[in-house]
């Protein structure tokens, strides 16, 4: 039998804390070894029980979860899954070293609460237990001085990511200049958070970043991020102009939005005028779509194992021949410009 994943639950609400402990312990792969009301109790529990994964609420008395993370990670690096209400503070937590987050449902919404407790949180904990904590860090690299030497109006850049992807995408986009081709992105994220994520990136980057809306044109110097929720995003070309089509649809490769759906549409609409990049994430979403892009003549890049938080999606893509070259995260922006300049 495989050893159970040892979990520490940190939650200030006694009712919610006991609810989490009770339900997580029903999962045969998990064992809650301790629970804590605040970061001070959590610190002692970490030393005593040495958990594999910690779930951590952002809003807590005495010290919030983000401040606790910043103090914890240098001394006791460990996989942490944040529990967050609809707030952009979750991105500060990811920047501070958390592996992933789950949207915290209202206790009055029984359907969402059941989904959260029985599926979403256990899955995130299991993924977090496989994460390479040493790769969760800020990648500070000099601003690129490269420029595109060719016309970018007909080129498309497509990026897909999951666990660890919020920081990986930010690392890459911060290096892009306004000459970058129109860019479309799927990052697995709950509804509501993608808009906050896009606004955050827009404030930090030289390119324009926004949550995509149905019918948005795909323009040079602009990044469109697929909205989280129940819609799939596709690239289409109408009257010689690229735009995104966002419509409700079933999950594909386990996700909505799905990287596979986006990449397959890019293969169909942009063919050899596209570059696809697949980043850190669990599972195989995006691998088949990236292969379709490569078959259509597009160029492709995969994040390498040494810098992935979870080397899942890039590995599957590499194994099936979808990845033309693998690069460290810190080198992907530079490689992107180099490839685009040959197209």
C-alpha atoms as a PDB file:
ATOM      1  CA  UNK A   1       0.000   0.000   0.000  1.00  0.00           C
ATOM      2  CA  UNK A   2       1.135   3.544  -0.758  1.00  0.00           C
ATOM      3  CA  UNK A   3       1.795   5.803   2.203  1.00  0.00           C
ATOM      4  CA  UNK A   4      -0.986   8.296   2.832  1.00  0.00           C
ATOM      5  CA  UNK A   5      -0.348  11.993   2.207  1.00  0.00           C
ATOM      6  CA  UNK A   6      -0.034  13.655   5.616  1.00  0.00           C
ATOM      7  CA  UNK A   7      -2.033  16.887   5.750  1.00  0.00           C
ATOM      8  CA  UNK A   8      -2.044  19.836   8.157  1.00  0.00           C
ATOM      9  CA  UNK A   9      -5.227  21.942   8.043  1.00  0.00           C
ATOM     10  CA  UNK A  10      -4.864  25.593   9.117  1.00  0.00           C
ATOM     11  CA  UNK A  11      -8.226  27.339   9.442  1.00  0.00           C
ATOM     12  CA  UNK A  12      -9.479  29.836  12.030  1.00  0.00           C
ATOM     13  CA  UNK A  13     -13.164  28.874  11.750  1.00  0.00           C
ATOM     14  CA  UNK A  14     -13.750  25.910  14.074  1.00  0.00           C
ATOM     15  CA  UNK A  15     -16.786  24.734  12.086  1.00  0.00           C
ATOM     16  CA  UNK A  16     -14.990  24.864   8.727  1.00  0.00           C
ATOM     17  CA  UNK A  17     -11.800  23.383  10.215  1.00  0.00           C
ATOM     18  CA  UNK A  18     -13.654  20.375  11.625  1.00  0.00           C
ATOM     19  CA  UNK A  19     -15.569  19.979   8.364  1.00  0.00           C
ATOM     20  CA  UNK A  20     -12.301  19.849   6.403  1.00  0.00           C
ATOM     21  CA  UNK A  21     -10.644  17.400   8.794  1.00  0.00           C
ATOM     22  CA  UNK A  22     -13.631  15.048   8.816  1.00  0.00           C
ATOM     23  CA  UNK A  23     -14.050  14.964   5.045  1.00  0.00           C
ATOM     24  CA  UNK A  24     -10.375  14.852   4.063  1.00  0.00           C
ATOM     25  CA  UNK A  25      -9.930  11.835   6.327  1.00  0.00           C
ATOM     26  CA  UNK A  26     -12.547   9.945   4.305  1.00  0.00           C
ATOM     27  CA  UNK A  27     -10.191  10.003   1.310  1.00  0.00           C
ATOM     28  CA  UNK A  28      -8.099   6.796   1.404  1.00  0.00           C
ATOM     29  CA  UNK A  29      -5.059   8.642   0.057  1.00  0.00           C
ATOM     30  CA  UNK A  30      -5.084  11.378   2.707  1.00  0.00           C
ATOM     31  CA  UNK A  31      -4.542  11.585   6.460  1.00  0.00           C
ATOM     32  CA  UNK A  32      -5.033  14.803   8.419  1.00  0.00           C
ATOM     33  CA  UNK A  33      -2.299  14.542  11.031  1.00  0.00           C
ATOM     34  CA  UNK A  34      -3.154  17.834  12.743  1.00  0.00           C
ATOM     35  CA  UNK A  35      -5.193  21.021  12.528  1.00  0.00           C
ATOM     36  CA  UNK A  36      -4.466  24.548  13.717  1.00  0.00           C
ATOM     37  CA  UNK A  37      -6.424  27.743  14.383  1.00  0.00           C
ATOM     38  CA  UNK A  38      -3.678  30.183  13.408  1.00  0.00           C
ATOM     39  CA  UNK A  39      -0.093  30.364  12.096  1.00  0.00           C
ATOM     40  CA  UNK A  40       1.402  30.152  15.590  1.00  0.00           C
ATOM     41  CA  UNK A  41      -0.289  26.823  16.277  1.00  0.00           C
ATOM     42  CA  UNK A  42       0.547  25.732  12.727  1.00  0.00           C
ATOM     43  CA  UNK A  43       4.262  26.409  13.255  1.00  0.00           C
ATOM     44  CA  UNK A  44       4.342  24.036  16.226  1.00  0.00           C
ATOM     45  CA  UNK A  45       2.326  21.401  14.339  1.00  0.00           C
ATOM     46  CA  UNK A  46       4.724  21.506  11.398  1.00  0.00           C
ATOM     47  CA  UNK A  47       7.700  20.847  13.651  1.00  0.00           C
ATOM     48  CA  UNK A  48       5.895  18.069  15.535  1.00  0.00           C
ATOM     49  CA  UNK A  49       4.089  16.206  12.725  1.00  0.00           C
ATOM     50  CA  UNK A  50       6.151  17.070   9.600  1.00  0.00           C
ATOM     51  CA  UNK A  51       3.141  17.079   7.220  1.00  0.00           C
ATOM     52  CA  UNK A  52       3.528  16.504   3.480  1.00  0.00           C
ATOM     53  CA  UNK A  53       1.044  19.251   2.537  1.00  0.00           C
ATOM     54  CA  UNK A  54      -0.559  22.147   4.380  1.00  0.00           C
ATOM     55  CA  UNK A  55      -3.903  23.785   3.575  1.00  0.00           C
ATOM     56  CA  UNK A  56      -3.857  27.416   4.633  1.00  0.00           C
ATOM     57  CA  UNK A  57      -6.576  30.042   4.875  1.00  0.00           C
ATOM     58  CA  UNK A  58      -5.546  33.525   3.727  1.00  0.00           C
ATOM     59  CA  UNK A  59      -7.622  35.525   6.219  1.00  0.00           C
ATOM     60  CA  UNK A  60      -6.713  34.617   9.806  1.00  0.00           C
ATOM     61  CA  UNK A  61      -6.254  36.434  13.131  1.00  0.00           C
ATOM     62  CA  UNK A  62      -2.828  37.281  14.604  1.00  0.00           C
ATOM     63  CA  UNK A  63      -1.053  36.747  11.245  1.00  0.00           C
ATOM     64  CA  UNK A  64      -2.539  36.316   7.774  1.00  0.00           C
ATOM     65  CA  UNK A  65      -1.660  33.353   5.602  1.00  0.00           C
ATOM     66  CA  UNK A  66       0.535  35.353   3.218  1.00  0.00           C
ATOM     67  CA  UNK A  67       2.727  36.763   5.970  1.00  0.00           C
ATOM     68  CA  UNK A  68       2.978  33.283   7.482  1.00  0.00           C
ATOM     69  CA  UNK A  69       4.070  31.842   4.127  1.00  0.00           C
ATOM     70  CA  UNK A  70       6.809  34.435   3.749  1.00  0.00           C
ATOM     71  CA  UNK A  71       8.181  33.533   7.167  1.00  0.00           C
ATOM     72  CA  UNK A  72       7.660  29.774   6.768  1.00  0.00           C
ATOM     73  CA  UNK A  73       9.041  28.933   3.324  1.00  0.00           C
ATOM     74  CA  UNK A  74      12.713  29.902   3.928  1.00  0.00           C
ATOM     75  CA  UNK A  75      12.843  27.693   7.065  1.00  0.00           C
ATOM     76  CA  UNK A  76      10.349  24.906   6.330  1.00  0.00           C
ATOM     77  CA  UNK A  77       9.728  24.720   2.572  1.00  0.00           C
ATOM     78  CA  UNK A  78       6.648  22.586   1.990  1.00  0.00           C
ATOM     79  CA  UNK A  79       3.716  22.308  -0.452  1.00  0.00           C
ATOM     80  CA  UNK A  80       0.902  24.665   0.542  1.00  0.00           C
ATOM     81  CA  UNK A  81      -2.614  24.876  -0.912  1.00  0.00           C
ATOM     82  CA  UNK A  82      -4.363  28.163  -0.159  1.00  0.00           C
ATOM     83  CA  UNK A  83      -8.067  28.439   0.609  1.00  0.00           C
ATOM     84  CA  UNK A  84      -9.282  31.769  -0.703  1.00  0.00           C
ATOM     85  CA  UNK A  85     -12.448  33.782  -1.103  1.00  0.00           C
ATOM     86  CA  UNK A  86     -12.694  35.791  -4.345  1.00  0.00           C
ATOM     87  CA  UNK A  87      -9.679  38.045  -3.732  1.00  0.00           C
ATOM     88  CA  UNK A  88      -6.502  38.943  -5.595  1.00  0.00           C
ATOM     89  CA  UNK A  89      -4.576  38.279  -2.350  1.00  0.00           C
ATOM     90  CA  UNK A  90      -4.329  34.690  -3.540  1.00  0.00           C
ATOM     91  CA  UNK A  91      -1.763  35.805  -6.142  1.00  0.00           C
ATOM     92  CA  UNK A  92       0.372  37.296  -3.367  1.00  0.00           C
ATOM     93  CA  UNK A  93       0.194  33.884  -1.695  1.00  0.00           C
ATOM     94  CA  UNK A  94       1.311  32.112  -4.877  1.00  0.00           C
ATOM     95  CA  UNK A  95       4.140  34.623  -5.215  1.00  0.00           C
ATOM     96  CA  UNK A  96       5.119  33.877  -1.606  1.00  0.00           C
ATOM     97  CA  UNK A  97       5.491  30.171  -2.373  1.00  0.00           C
ATOM     98  CA  UNK A  98       2.091  28.459  -2.305  1.00  0.00           C
ATOM     99  CA  UNK A  99       1.685  25.675  -4.872  1.00  0.00           C
ATOM    100  CA  UNK A 100      -1.951  26.294  -5.724  1.00  0.00           C
ATOM    101  CA  UNK A 101      -5.266  27.548  -4.394  1.00  0.00           C
ATOM    102  CA  UNK A 102      -8.915  26.567  -4.163  1.00  0.00           C
ATOM    103  CA  UNK A 103     -11.826  28.993  -4.160  1.00  0.00           C
ATOM    104  CA  UNK A 104     -13.523  28.791  -0.774  1.00  0.00           C
ATOM    105  CA  UNK A 105     -17.295  28.313  -1.161  1.00  0.00           C
ATOM    106  CA  UNK A 106     -19.986  29.870   0.974  1.00  0.00           C
ATOM    107  CA  UNK A 107     -21.209  27.521   3.690  1.00  0.00           C
ATOM    108  CA  UNK A 108     -24.777  28.182   2.503  1.00  0.00           C
ATOM    109  CA  UNK A 109     -24.083  26.804  -0.978  1.00  0.00           C
ATOM    110  CA  UNK A 110     -24.372  23.094  -0.268  1.00  0.00           C
ATOM    111  CA  UNK A 111     -23.679  21.970  -3.844  1.00  0.00           C
ATOM    112  CA  UNK A 112     -20.449  23.963  -4.198  1.00  0.00           C
ATOM    113  CA  UNK A 113     -19.403  23.047  -0.663  1.00  0.00           C
ATOM    114  CA  UNK A 114     -19.787  19.345  -1.418  1.00  0.00           C
ATOM    115  CA  UNK A 115     -17.793  19.716  -4.668  1.00  0.00           C
ATOM    116  CA  UNK A 116     -15.097  21.636  -2.801  1.00  0.00           C
ATOM    117  CA  UNK A 117     -14.741  19.148   0.050  1.00  0.00           C
ATOM    118  CA  UNK A 118     -15.104  15.872  -1.830  1.00  0.00           C
ATOM    119  CA  UNK A 119     -13.255  16.683  -5.048  1.00  0.00           C
ATOM    120  CA  UNK A 120     -11.546  20.042  -5.561  1.00  0.00           C
ATOM    121  CA  UNK A 121      -9.502  20.276  -2.372  1.00  0.00           C
ATOM    122  CA  UNK A 122      -8.426  16.590  -2.218  1.00  0.00           C
ATOM    123  CA  UNK A 123      -7.266  16.762  -5.851  1.00  0.00           C
ATOM    124  CA  UNK A 124      -5.279  19.944  -5.212  1.00  0.00           C
ATOM    125  CA  UNK A 125      -3.651  18.380  -2.132  1.00  0.00           C
ATOM    126  CA  UNK A 126      -2.632  15.289  -4.096  1.00  0.00           C
ATOM    127  CA  UNK A 127      -1.152  17.421  -6.883  1.00  0.00           C
ATOM    128  CA  UNK A 128       0.646  19.636  -4.362  1.00  0.00           C
ATOM    129  CA  UNK A 129       2.242  16.584  -2.756  1.00  0.00           C
ATOM    130  CA  UNK A 130       4.116  15.960  -6.041  1.00  0.00           C
ATOM    131  CA  UNK A 131       5.281  19.559  -6.479  1.00  0.00           C
ATOM    132  CA  UNK A 132       8.942  20.513  -6.582  1.00  0.00           C
ATOM    133  CA  UNK A 133       9.023  23.228  -3.937  1.00  0.00           C
ATOM    134  CA  UNK A 134      12.494  24.361  -4.946  1.00  0.00           C
ATOM    135  CA  UNK A 135      11.062  25.510  -8.274  1.00  0.00           C
ATOM    136  CA  UNK A 136       8.485  27.802  -6.649  1.00  0.00           C
ATOM    137  CA  UNK A 137      10.400  31.024  -6.626  1.00  0.00           C
ATOM    138  CA  UNK A 138      10.566  34.343  -8.326  1.00  0.00           C
ATOM    139  CA  UNK A 139      12.591  34.118 -11.509  1.00  0.00           C
ATOM    140  CA  UNK A 140      14.296  37.509 -11.739  1.00  0.00           C
ATOM    141  CA  UNK A 141      16.003  38.012 -15.072  1.00  0.00           C
ATOM    142  CA  UNK A 142      17.053  41.180 -16.919  1.00  0.00           C
ATOM    143  CA  UNK A 143      14.521  42.831 -19.217  1.00  0.00           C
ATOM    144  CA  UNK A 144      14.994  41.533 -22.722  1.00  0.00           C
ATOM    145  CA  UNK A 145      16.381  43.873 -25.348  1.00  0.00           C
ATOM    146  CA  UNK A 146      15.396  41.641 -28.268  1.00  0.00           C
ATOM    147  CA  UNK A 147      13.016  42.976 -30.891  1.00  0.00           C
ATOM    148  CA  UNK A 148      11.064  41.193 -33.562  1.00  0.00           C
ATOM    149  CA  UNK A 149      12.644  41.615 -36.958  1.00  0.00           C
ATOM    150  CA  UNK A 150       9.589  40.463 -38.907  1.00  0.00           C
ATOM    151  CA  UNK A 151       5.928  41.397 -39.186  1.00  0.00           C
ATOM    152  CA  UNK A 152       4.043  40.264 -36.100  1.00  0.00           C
ATOM    153  CA  UNK A 153       0.514  40.925 -37.350  1.00  0.00           C
ATOM    154  CA  UNK A 154       0.086  37.453 -38.841  1.00  0.00           C
ATOM    155  CA  UNK A 155       1.780  35.582 -35.999  1.00  0.00           C
ATOM    156  CA  UNK A 156       0.030  34.022 -33.003  1.00  0.00           C
ATOM    157  CA  UNK A 157       1.525  33.028 -29.663  1.00  0.00           C
ATOM    158  CA  UNK A 158      -0.438  30.460 -27.602  1.00  0.00           C
ATOM    159  CA  UNK A 159       0.438  29.479 -24.011  1.00  0.00           C
ATOM    160  CA  UNK A 160      -1.041  26.807 -21.736  1.00  0.00           C
ATOM    161  CA  UNK A 161      -0.360  26.069 -18.059  1.00  0.00           C
ATOM    162  CA  UNK A 162      -1.811  24.663 -14.837  1.00  0.00           C
ATOM    163  CA  UNK A 163      -0.239  24.098 -11.376  1.00  0.00           C
ATOM    164  CA  UNK A 164       2.604  26.600 -10.926  1.00  0.00           C
ATOM    165  CA  UNK A 165       1.557  28.407 -14.068  1.00  0.00           C
ATOM    166  CA  UNK A 166       0.459  31.717 -12.584  1.00  0.00           C
ATOM    167  CA  UNK A 167       4.028  32.601 -11.619  1.00  0.00           C
ATOM    168  CA  UNK A 168       5.537  30.952 -14.711  1.00  0.00           C
ATOM    169  CA  UNK A 169       3.317  32.973 -17.051  1.00  0.00           C
ATOM    170  CA  UNK A 170       4.114  36.163 -15.138  1.00  0.00           C
ATOM    171  CA  UNK A 171       7.840  35.464 -15.444  1.00  0.00           C
ATOM    172  CA  UNK A 172       7.537  35.175 -19.230  1.00  0.00           C
ATOM    173  CA  UNK A 173       5.119  38.029 -19.868  1.00  0.00           C
ATOM    174  CA  UNK A 174       7.212  40.489 -17.859  1.00  0.00           C
ATOM    175  CA  UNK A 175       9.979  39.967 -20.417  1.00  0.00           C
ATOM    176  CA  UNK A 176       7.797  40.646 -23.454  1.00  0.00           C
ATOM    177  CA  UNK A 177       7.776  44.019 -25.190  1.00  0.00           C
ATOM    178  CA  UNK A 178       4.836  45.618 -27.018  1.00  0.00           C
ATOM    179  CA  UNK A 179       6.110  44.123 -30.287  1.00  0.00           C
ATOM    180  CA  UNK A 180       5.068  40.609 -29.223  1.00  0.00           C
ATOM    181  CA  UNK A 181       2.455  38.962 -31.488  1.00  0.00           C
ATOM    182  CA  UNK A 182      -1.144  38.629 -30.338  1.00  0.00           C
ATOM    183  CA  UNK A 183      -1.078  36.135 -27.457  1.00  0.00           C
ATOM    184  CA  UNK A 184      -3.780  33.777 -26.177  1.00  0.00           C
ATOM    185  CA  UNK A 185      -3.477  31.923 -22.870  1.00  0.00           C
ATOM    186  CA  UNK A 186      -5.268  29.196 -20.952  1.00  0.00           C
ATOM    187  CA  UNK A 187      -4.287  28.950 -17.284  1.00  0.00           C
ATOM    188  CA  UNK A 188      -6.425  26.557 -15.242  1.00  0.00           C
ATOM    189  CA  UNK A 189      -8.157  28.794 -12.701  1.00  0.00           C
ATOM    190  CA  UNK A 190     -11.618  29.130 -11.129  1.00  0.00           C
ATOM    191  CA  UNK A 191     -14.194  31.619 -12.413  1.00  0.00           C
ATOM    192  CA  UNK A 192     -13.647  35.166 -11.181  1.00  0.00           C
ATOM    193  CA  UNK A 193      -9.937  34.820 -10.523  1.00  0.00           C
ATOM    194  CA  UNK A 194      -8.835  35.099 -14.171  1.00  0.00           C
ATOM    195  CA  UNK A 195     -10.056  38.695 -14.414  1.00  0.00           C
ATOM    196  CA  UNK A 196      -8.099  39.673 -11.283  1.00  0.00           C
ATOM    197  CA  UNK A 197      -5.056  37.768 -12.548  1.00  0.00           C
ATOM    198  CA  UNK A 198      -5.191  39.572 -15.904  1.00  0.00           C
ATOM    199  CA  UNK A 199      -5.495  42.992 -14.241  1.00  0.00           C
ATOM    200  CA  UNK A 200      -2.563  42.178 -11.974  1.00  0.00           C
ATOM    201  CA  UNK A 201      -0.387  41.190 -14.941  1.00  0.00           C
ATOM    202  CA  UNK A 202      -1.500  44.249 -16.904  1.00  0.00           C
ATOM    203  CA  UNK A 203      -0.121  46.455 -14.109  1.00  0.00           C
ATOM    204  CA  UNK A 204       3.199  44.576 -14.075  1.00  0.00           C
ATOM    205  CA  UNK A 205       3.922  44.077 -17.775  1.00  0.00           C
ATOM    206  CA  UNK A 206       4.782  46.193 -20.806  1.00  0.00           C
ATOM    207  CA  UNK A 207       2.171  44.320 -22.842  1.00  0.00           C
ATOM    208  CA  UNK A 208      -1.575  44.809 -22.408  1.00  0.00           C
ATOM    209  CA  UNK A 209      -3.198  41.906 -20.547  1.00  0.00           C
ATOM    210  CA  UNK A 210      -6.940  41.353 -20.188  1.00  0.00           C
ATOM    211  CA  UNK A 211      -9.447  38.595 -19.534  1.00  0.00           C
ATOM    212  CA  UNK A 212     -10.782  37.605 -22.932  1.00  0.00           C
ATOM    213  CA  UNK A 213     -14.349  38.321 -24.001  1.00  0.00           C
ATOM    214  CA  UNK A 214     -16.146  36.614 -26.875  1.00  0.00           C
ATOM    215  CA  UNK A 215     -15.275  38.353 -30.136  1.00  0.00           C
ATOM    216  CA  UNK A 216     -12.124  40.108 -28.862  1.00  0.00           C
ATOM    217  CA  UNK A 217      -9.606  40.685 -31.639  1.00  0.00           C
ATOM    218  CA  UNK A 218      -6.156  39.184 -31.129  1.00  0.00           C
ATOM    219  CA  UNK A 219      -3.744  42.070 -31.609  1.00  0.00           C
ATOM    220  CA  UNK A 220       0.044  42.534 -31.386  1.00  0.00           C
ATOM    221  CA  UNK A 221       1.180  43.698 -27.966  1.00  0.00           C
ATOM    222  CA  UNK A 222      -1.926  42.284 -26.301  1.00  0.00           C
ATOM    223  CA  UNK A 223      -2.467  39.138 -24.201  1.00  0.00           C
ATOM    224  CA  UNK A 224      -5.896  37.537 -23.829  1.00  0.00           C
ATOM    225  CA  UNK A 225      -6.435  35.146 -20.904  1.00  0.00           C
ATOM    226  CA  UNK A 226      -9.304  32.645 -21.156  1.00  0.00           C
ATOM    227  CA  UNK A 227     -11.942  33.242 -18.478  1.00  0.00           C
ATOM    228  CA  UNK A 228     -12.217  30.533 -15.834  1.00  0.00           C
ATOM    229  CA  UNK A 229     -15.549  28.790 -15.442  1.00  0.00           C
ATOM    230  CA  UNK A 230     -17.695  26.894 -17.903  1.00  0.00           C
ATOM    231  CA  UNK A 231     -16.526  28.249 -21.282  1.00  0.00           C
ATOM    232  CA  UNK A 232     -13.963  27.066 -23.812  1.00  0.00           C
ATOM    233  CA  UNK A 233     -11.831  29.582 -25.721  1.00  0.00           C
ATOM    234  CA  UNK A 234     -10.882  29.107 -29.369  1.00  0.00           C
ATOM    235  CA  UNK A 235      -8.922  31.133 -31.878  1.00  0.00           C
ATOM    236  CA  UNK A 236     -10.768  31.812 -35.117  1.00  0.00           C
ATOM    237  CA  UNK A 237      -9.962  33.843 -38.219  1.00  0.00           C
ATOM    238  CA  UNK A 238     -12.798  35.819 -39.777  1.00  0.00           C
ATOM    239  CA  UNK A 239     -12.359  38.196 -42.718  1.00  0.00           C
ATOM    240  CA  UNK A 240      -8.606  37.935 -42.326  1.00  0.00           C
ATOM    241  CA  UNK A 241      -8.687  38.966 -38.662  1.00  0.00           C
ATOM    242  CA  UNK A 242      -7.858  36.789 -35.651  1.00  0.00           C
ATOM    243  CA  UNK A 243     -10.322  36.833 -32.773  1.00  0.00           C
ATOM    244  CA  UNK A 244     -11.362  34.612 -29.890  1.00  0.00           C
ATOM    245  CA  UNK A 245     -14.582  32.660 -29.640  1.00  0.00           C
ATOM    246  CA  UNK A 246     -15.690  31.957 -26.067  1.00  0.00           C
ATOM    247  CA  UNK A 247     -18.666  29.668 -25.645  1.00  0.00           C
ATOM    248  CA  UNK A 248     -20.023  27.386 -22.916  1.00  0.00           C
ATOM    249  CA  UNK A 249     -18.930  23.794 -23.386  1.00  0.00           C
ATOM    250  CA  UNK A 250     -18.082  20.544 -21.617  1.00  0.00           C
ATOM    251  CA  UNK A 251     -14.727  19.879 -20.022  1.00  0.00           C
ATOM    252  CA  UNK A 252     -12.034  18.655 -22.408  1.00  0.00           C
ATOM    253  CA  UNK A 253      -9.019  16.771 -21.050  1.00  0.00           C
ATOM    254  CA  UNK A 254     -10.618  17.351 -17.646  1.00  0.00           C
ATOM    255  CA  UNK A 255     -10.698  21.118 -17.903  1.00  0.00           C
ATOM    256  CA  UNK A 256     -12.791  24.112 -18.876  1.00  0.00           C
ATOM    257  CA  UNK A 257     -11.171  26.130 -20.298  1.00  0.00           C
ATOM    258  CA  UNK A 258      -8.876  23.529 -21.827  1.00  0.00           C
ATOM    259  CA  UNK A 259      -5.408  24.067 -23.276  1.00  0.00           C
ATOM    260  CA  UNK A 260      -6.108  21.319 -25.819  1.00  0.00           C
ATOM    261  CA  UNK A 261      -9.163  23.184 -27.132  1.00  0.00           C
ATOM    262  CA  UNK A 262      -7.186  26.410 -27.528  1.00  0.00           C
ATOM    263  CA  UNK A 263      -4.132  24.768 -29.113  1.00  0.00           C
ATOM    264  CA  UNK A 264      -6.234  22.729 -31.555  1.00  0.00           C
ATOM    265  CA  UNK A 265      -8.026  25.892 -32.685  1.00  0.00           C
ATOM    266  CA  UNK A 266      -4.677  27.655 -33.148  1.00  0.00           C
ATOM    267  CA  UNK A 267      -3.463  24.743 -35.284  1.00  0.00           C
ATOM    268  CA  UNK A 268      -6.554  25.083 -37.461  1.00  0.00           C
ATOM    269  CA  UNK A 269      -6.635  28.882 -37.749  1.00  0.00           C
ATOM    270  CA  UNK A 270      -2.979  29.955 -37.660  1.00  0.00           C
ATOM    271  CA  UNK A 271      -1.214  26.815 -38.917  1.00  0.00           C
ATOM    272  CA  UNK A 272       2.506  27.540 -39.423  1.00  0.00           C
ATOM    273  CA  UNK A 273       2.154  31.155 -38.298  1.00  0.00           C
ATOM    274  CA  UNK A 274       1.937  30.177 -34.638  1.00  0.00           C
ATOM    275  CA  UNK A 275       4.170  29.362 -31.690  1.00  0.00           C
ATOM    276  CA  UNK A 276       2.844  27.182 -28.858  1.00  0.00           C
ATOM    277  CA  UNK A 277       4.315  27.082 -25.351  1.00  0.00           C
ATOM    278  CA  UNK A 278       3.332  24.493 -22.726  1.00  0.00           C
ATOM    279  CA  UNK A 279       4.252  25.170 -19.110  1.00  0.00           C
ATOM    280  CA  UNK A 280       4.173  23.513 -15.696  1.00  0.00           C
ATOM    281  CA  UNK A 281       1.040  21.589 -14.721  1.00  0.00           C
ATOM    282  CA  UNK A 282      -0.385  18.243 -13.668  1.00  0.00           C
ATOM    283  CA  UNK A 283      -1.926  15.887 -16.220  1.00  0.00           C
ATOM    284  CA  UNK A 284      -1.828  15.975 -19.991  1.00  0.00           C
ATOM    285  CA  UNK A 285      -4.046  18.906 -21.037  1.00  0.00           C
ATOM    286  CA  UNK A 286      -2.449  20.674 -23.981  1.00  0.00           C
ATOM    287  CA  UNK A 287      -0.232  17.824 -25.177  1.00  0.00           C
ATOM    288  CA  UNK A 288      -2.528  16.646 -27.988  1.00  0.00           C
ATOM    289  CA  UNK A 289      -3.326  20.196 -29.008  1.00  0.00           C
ATOM    290  CA  UNK A 290       0.365  21.108 -29.134  1.00  0.00           C
ATOM    291  CA  UNK A 291       0.994  18.060 -31.315  1.00  0.00           C
ATOM    292  CA  UNK A 292      -1.734  19.257 -33.678  1.00  0.00           C
ATOM    293  CA  UNK A 293      -0.017  22.639 -33.818  1.00  0.00           C
ATOM    294  CA  UNK A 294       3.332  21.047 -34.659  1.00  0.00           C
ATOM    295  CA  UNK A 295       1.737  18.869 -37.352  1.00  0.00           C
ATOM    296  CA  UNK A 296       0.238  22.037 -38.844  1.00  0.00           C
ATOM    297  CA  UNK A 297       3.699  23.575 -39.108  1.00  0.00           C
ATOM    298  CA  UNK A 298       3.720  25.648 -35.917  1.00  0.00           C
ATOM    299  CA  UNK A 299       6.776  25.948 -33.706  1.00  0.00           C
ATOM    300  CA  UNK A 300       6.586  24.609 -30.140  1.00  0.00           C
ATOM    301  CA  UNK A 301       8.392  25.067 -26.814  1.00  0.00           C
ATOM    302  CA  UNK A 302       8.015  23.102 -23.556  1.00  0.00           C
ATOM    303  CA  UNK A 303       9.182  24.078 -20.085  1.00  0.00           C
ATOM    304  CA  UNK A 304      11.922  21.746 -18.903  1.00  0.00           C
ATOM    305  CA  UNK A 305      11.669  19.418 -15.912  1.00  0.00           C
ATOM    306  CA  UNK A 306      14.253  21.252 -13.819  1.00  0.00           C
ATOM    307  CA  UNK A 307      12.125  24.411 -13.559  1.00  0.00           C
ATOM    308  CA  UNK A 308       8.580  22.967 -13.512  1.00  0.00           C
ATOM    309  CA  UNK A 309       6.643  22.953 -10.258  1.00  0.00           C
ATOM    310  CA  UNK A 310       4.843  19.905 -11.686  1.00  0.00           C
ATOM    311  CA  UNK A 311       6.415  18.294 -14.746  1.00  0.00           C
ATOM    312  CA  UNK A 312       3.200  16.775 -16.055  1.00  0.00           C
ATOM    313  CA  UNK A 313       1.767  18.627 -19.043  1.00  0.00           C
ATOM    314  CA  UNK A 314       5.176  19.431 -20.591  1.00  0.00           C
ATOM    315  CA  UNK A 315       6.341  15.837 -20.083  1.00  0.00           C
ATOM    316  CA  UNK A 316       3.296  14.317 -21.801  1.00  0.00           C
ATOM    317  CA  UNK A 317       3.703  16.776 -24.670  1.00  0.00           C
ATOM    318  CA  UNK A 318       7.408  15.977 -24.975  1.00  0.00           C
ATOM    319  CA  UNK A 319       6.828  12.218 -24.825  1.00  0.00           C
ATOM    320  CA  UNK A 320       4.364  12.276 -27.762  1.00  0.00           C
ATOM    321  CA  UNK A 321       6.636  14.429 -29.899  1.00  0.00           C
ATOM    322  CA  UNK A 322       4.720  17.694 -29.568  1.00  0.00           C
ATOM    323  CA  UNK A 323       7.636  19.678 -28.117  1.00  0.00           C
ATOM    324  CA  UNK A 324      10.270  20.931 -30.532  1.00  0.00           C
ATOM    325  CA  UNK A 325      12.607  22.158 -27.786  1.00  0.00           C
ATOM    326  CA  UNK A 326      12.630  22.280 -23.975  1.00  0.00           C
ATOM    327  CA  UNK A 327      13.815  25.369 -22.114  1.00  0.00           C
ATOM    328  CA  UNK A 328      14.318  26.531 -18.551  1.00  0.00           C
ATOM    329  CA  UNK A 329      11.615  28.962 -17.470  1.00  0.00           C
ATOM    330  CA  UNK A 330      14.114  31.821 -17.280  1.00  0.00           C
ATOM    331  CA  UNK A 331      15.091  31.210 -20.938  1.00  0.00           C
ATOM    332  CA  UNK A 332      11.626  30.823 -22.497  1.00  0.00           C
ATOM    333  CA  UNK A 333      11.026  34.521 -23.259  1.00  0.00           C
ATOM    334  CA  UNK A 334      14.406  34.834 -24.985  1.00  0.00           C
ATOM    335  CA  UNK A 335      13.777  31.612 -26.928  1.00  0.00           C
ATOM    336  CA  UNK A 336      10.343  32.906 -27.917  1.00  0.00           C
ATOM    337  CA  UNK A 337      11.858  35.975 -29.575  1.00  0.00           C
ATOM    338  CA  UNK A 338      14.541  33.862 -31.252  1.00  0.00           C
ATOM    339  CA  UNK A 339      11.945  31.475 -32.720  1.00  0.00           C
ATOM    340  CA  UNK A 340       9.557  34.243 -33.775  1.00  0.00           C
ATOM    341  CA  UNK A 341      12.374  35.977 -35.633  1.00  0.00           C
ATOM    342  CA  UNK A 342      12.775  32.867 -37.842  1.00  0.00           C
ATOM    343  CA  UNK A 343       9.105  32.683 -38.774  1.00  0.00           C
END
